[in-house]
Structure formats: C-alpha cells, structure tokens
C-alpha cells in the first residue's frame, strides 16, 4: 500500500469560497478514480509558524495506482485550479 501526502500553502488571492469549491472537487475524486482506496482532506487548525494550510492524504494499492491517480483527468482539474494559487506544495509518498 502507498500513502500519498500533499500539504499546501496558498496565495492570498485564493479566496475561502474558491478554496471550498476546490475541496469539494477533491472530495469527489474517489467517485471518478477507483484506484483511490481512502482519501481525506483537512485544513490546519493550529496555524503554527511552520504549519501549512491544508493537507490531503490518499492511499493506493500500488505505485501504478498512484500513477493512474496522478495522471487522471479528474485529478488534472484539481491541479489546474490549485496550480496558479499555490504558494507552496510538499508531497511525500511512502509504503505502508
């Protein structure tokens, strides 16, 4: 099993309303990409000096399934929205 973790910081112009619409698109991804075994998304609650604003965690059976997710048109829509407004993105993919 592969766990994919992505953490984001956003530019100020990404409004709360736009962010909520984007989050809803992400929450719908498992309905379009059956390779996603589990997905969760959450906004930071501590707002510490090293905190990112939002995290996505998704589990896949294999690296191949992660690749399907990464290249899927439904995921591309997520990237098209977040790309211009992300200030920082860090990802980690590891075996469970």
C-alpha atoms as a PDB file:
ATOM      1  CA  UNK A   1       0.000   0.000   0.000  1.00  0.00           C
ATOM      2  CA  UNK A   2       1.212   3.511  -0.880  1.00  0.00           C
ATOM      3  CA  UNK A   3       0.244   6.605   1.104  1.00  0.00           C
ATOM      4  CA  UNK A   4       0.337   9.937  -0.718  1.00  0.00           C
ATOM      5  CA  UNK A   5       0.517  13.094   1.398  1.00  0.00           C
ATOM      6  CA  UNK A   6       0.347  16.619  -0.020  1.00  0.00           C
ATOM      7  CA  UNK A   7       0.475  19.813   2.041  1.00  0.00           C
ATOM      8  CA  UNK A   8      -0.285  23.263   0.672  1.00  0.00           C
ATOM      9  CA  UNK A   9       0.156  26.949   1.370  1.00  0.00           C
ATOM     10  CA  UNK A  10      -1.853  29.286  -0.829  1.00  0.00           C
ATOM     11  CA  UNK A  11      -1.522  32.789  -2.209  1.00  0.00           C
ATOM     12  CA  UNK A  12      -3.854  35.349  -0.594  1.00  0.00           C
ATOM     13  CA  UNK A  13      -5.951  35.683  -3.755  1.00  0.00           C
ATOM     14  CA  UNK A  14      -7.298  32.118  -3.317  1.00  0.00           C
ATOM     15  CA  UNK A  15     -10.490  33.101  -1.506  1.00  0.00           C
ATOM     16  CA  UNK A  16     -12.229  30.986   1.129  1.00  0.00           C
ATOM     17  CA  UNK A  17     -15.127  30.413  -1.282  1.00  0.00           C
ATOM     18  CA  UNK A  18     -12.816  29.273  -4.080  1.00  0.00           C
ATOM     19  CA  UNK A  19     -10.966  27.013  -1.660  1.00  0.00           C
ATOM     20  CA  UNK A  20     -14.220  25.358  -0.519  1.00  0.00           C
ATOM     21  CA  UNK A  21     -15.227  24.694  -4.131  1.00  0.00           C
ATOM     22  CA  UNK A  22     -11.783  23.176  -4.764  1.00  0.00           C
ATOM     23  CA  UNK A  23     -12.050  20.998  -1.637  1.00  0.00           C
ATOM     24  CA  UNK A  24     -15.431  19.678  -2.828  1.00  0.00           C
ATOM     25  CA  UNK A  25     -13.858  18.681  -6.154  1.00  0.00           C
ATOM     26  CA  UNK A  26     -11.125  16.811  -4.263  1.00  0.00           C
ATOM     27  CA  UNK A  27     -13.665  15.052  -2.022  1.00  0.00           C
ATOM     28  CA  UNK A  28     -15.404  13.835  -5.189  1.00  0.00           C
ATOM     29  CA  UNK A  29     -12.247  12.309  -6.709  1.00  0.00           C
ATOM     30  CA  UNK A  30     -12.890   8.786  -5.330  1.00  0.00           C
ATOM     31  CA  UNK A  31     -16.121   8.747  -7.367  1.00  0.00           C
ATOM     32  CA  UNK A  32     -14.051   9.216 -10.538  1.00  0.00           C
ATOM     33  CA  UNK A  33     -10.814   7.387  -9.724  1.00  0.00           C
ATOM     34  CA  UNK A  34     -11.499   3.885  -8.362  1.00  0.00           C
ATOM     35  CA  UNK A  35      -7.808   3.332  -7.552  1.00  0.00           C
ATOM     36  CA  UNK A  36      -8.182   5.647  -4.538  1.00  0.00           C
ATOM     37  CA  UNK A  37      -8.639   3.341  -1.526  1.00  0.00           C
ATOM     38  CA  UNK A  38      -9.002   6.130   1.041  1.00  0.00           C
ATOM     39  CA  UNK A  39      -8.786   9.900   0.873  1.00  0.00           C
ATOM     40  CA  UNK A  40      -9.002  12.605   3.495  1.00  0.00           C
ATOM     41  CA  UNK A  41      -8.528  16.345   3.312  1.00  0.00           C
ATOM     42  CA  UNK A  42      -8.326  18.881   6.087  1.00  0.00           C
ATOM     43  CA  UNK A  43      -7.428  22.458   6.831  1.00  0.00           C
ATOM     44  CA  UNK A  44      -4.882  23.308   9.505  1.00  0.00           C
ATOM     45  CA  UNK A  45      -6.317  24.083  12.928  1.00  0.00           C
ATOM     46  CA  UNK A  46      -3.187  25.150  14.829  1.00  0.00           C
ATOM     47  CA  UNK A  47      -1.883  27.845  12.463  1.00  0.00           C
ATOM     48  CA  UNK A  48       1.609  27.484  13.879  1.00  0.00           C
ATOM     49  CA  UNK A  49       4.651  29.209  12.403  1.00  0.00           C
ATOM     50  CA  UNK A  50       5.588  26.103  10.384  1.00  0.00           C
ATOM     51  CA  UNK A  51       2.061  24.998   9.532  1.00  0.00           C
ATOM     52  CA  UNK A  52       0.807  24.532   6.027  1.00  0.00           C
ATOM     53  CA  UNK A  53      -2.809  25.475   5.346  1.00  0.00           C
ATOM     54  CA  UNK A  54      -4.234  22.218   4.047  1.00  0.00           C
ATOM     55  CA  UNK A  55      -3.320  18.534   3.719  1.00  0.00           C
ATOM     56  CA  UNK A  56      -4.534  15.713   1.503  1.00  0.00           C
ATOM     57  CA  UNK A  57      -3.848  12.071   2.395  1.00  0.00           C
ATOM     58  CA  UNK A  58      -4.695   9.286  -0.042  1.00  0.00           C
ATOM     59  CA  UNK A  59      -3.969   5.557  -0.038  1.00  0.00           C
ATOM     60  CA  UNK A  60      -3.395   3.362  -3.086  1.00  0.00           C
ATOM     61  CA  UNK A  61      -2.739  -0.351  -3.512  1.00  0.00           C
ATOM     62  CA  UNK A  62       0.354   0.223  -5.654  1.00  0.00           C
ATOM     63  CA  UNK A  63       2.621   2.772  -7.290  1.00  0.00           C
ATOM     64  CA  UNK A  64       0.808   2.015 -10.536  1.00  0.00           C
ATOM     65  CA  UNK A  65      -2.499   3.046  -8.936  1.00  0.00           C
ATOM     66  CA  UNK A  66      -0.872   6.249  -7.665  1.00  0.00           C
ATOM     67  CA  UNK A  67       0.294   6.923 -11.227  1.00  0.00           C
ATOM     68  CA  UNK A  68      -3.275   6.432 -12.537  1.00  0.00           C
ATOM     69  CA  UNK A  69      -4.470   8.980  -9.957  1.00  0.00           C
ATOM     70  CA  UNK A  70      -1.681  11.428 -10.760  1.00  0.00           C
ATOM     71  CA  UNK A  71      -2.430  11.405 -14.483  1.00  0.00           C
ATOM     72  CA  UNK A  72      -6.234  11.098 -14.340  1.00  0.00           C
ATOM     73  CA  UNK A  73      -8.235  13.953 -15.957  1.00  0.00           C
ATOM     74  CA  UNK A  74     -10.264  14.438 -12.742  1.00  0.00           C
ATOM     75  CA  UNK A  75      -7.016  14.996 -10.819  1.00  0.00           C
ATOM     76  CA  UNK A  76      -5.767  17.314 -13.554  1.00  0.00           C
ATOM     77  CA  UNK A  77      -8.793  19.546 -12.893  1.00  0.00           C
ATOM     78  CA  UNK A  78      -7.638  19.844  -9.254  1.00  0.00           C
ATOM     79  CA  UNK A  79      -4.140  20.797 -10.404  1.00  0.00           C
ATOM     80  CA  UNK A  80      -5.487  23.342 -12.890  1.00  0.00           C
ATOM     81  CA  UNK A  81      -7.261  25.146 -10.056  1.00  0.00           C
ATOM     82  CA  UNK A  82      -4.537  24.930  -7.402  1.00  0.00           C
ATOM     83  CA  UNK A  83      -1.528  25.494  -9.660  1.00  0.00           C
ATOM     84  CA  UNK A  84      -1.870  29.243 -10.078  1.00  0.00           C
ATOM     85  CA  UNK A  85      -2.793  29.889  -6.421  1.00  0.00           C
ATOM     86  CA  UNK A  86      -0.395  27.653  -4.513  1.00  0.00           C
ATOM     87  CA  UNK A  87       2.436  29.366  -2.735  1.00  0.00           C
ATOM     88  CA  UNK A  88       3.967  26.081  -1.585  1.00  0.00           C
ATOM     89  CA  UNK A  89       3.382  22.368  -2.115  1.00  0.00           C
ATOM     90  CA  UNK A  90       5.213  19.487  -0.466  1.00  0.00           C
ATOM     91  CA  UNK A  91       4.463  15.827  -1.136  1.00  0.00           C
ATOM     92  CA  UNK A  92       5.574  12.523   0.343  1.00  0.00           C
ATOM     93  CA  UNK A  93       4.723   9.064  -0.990  1.00  0.00           C
ATOM     94  CA  UNK A  94       5.625   6.094   1.183  1.00  0.00           C
ATOM     95  CA  UNK A  95       4.883   2.422   1.652  1.00  0.00           C
ATOM     96  CA  UNK A  96       2.657   1.312   4.492  1.00  0.00           C
END
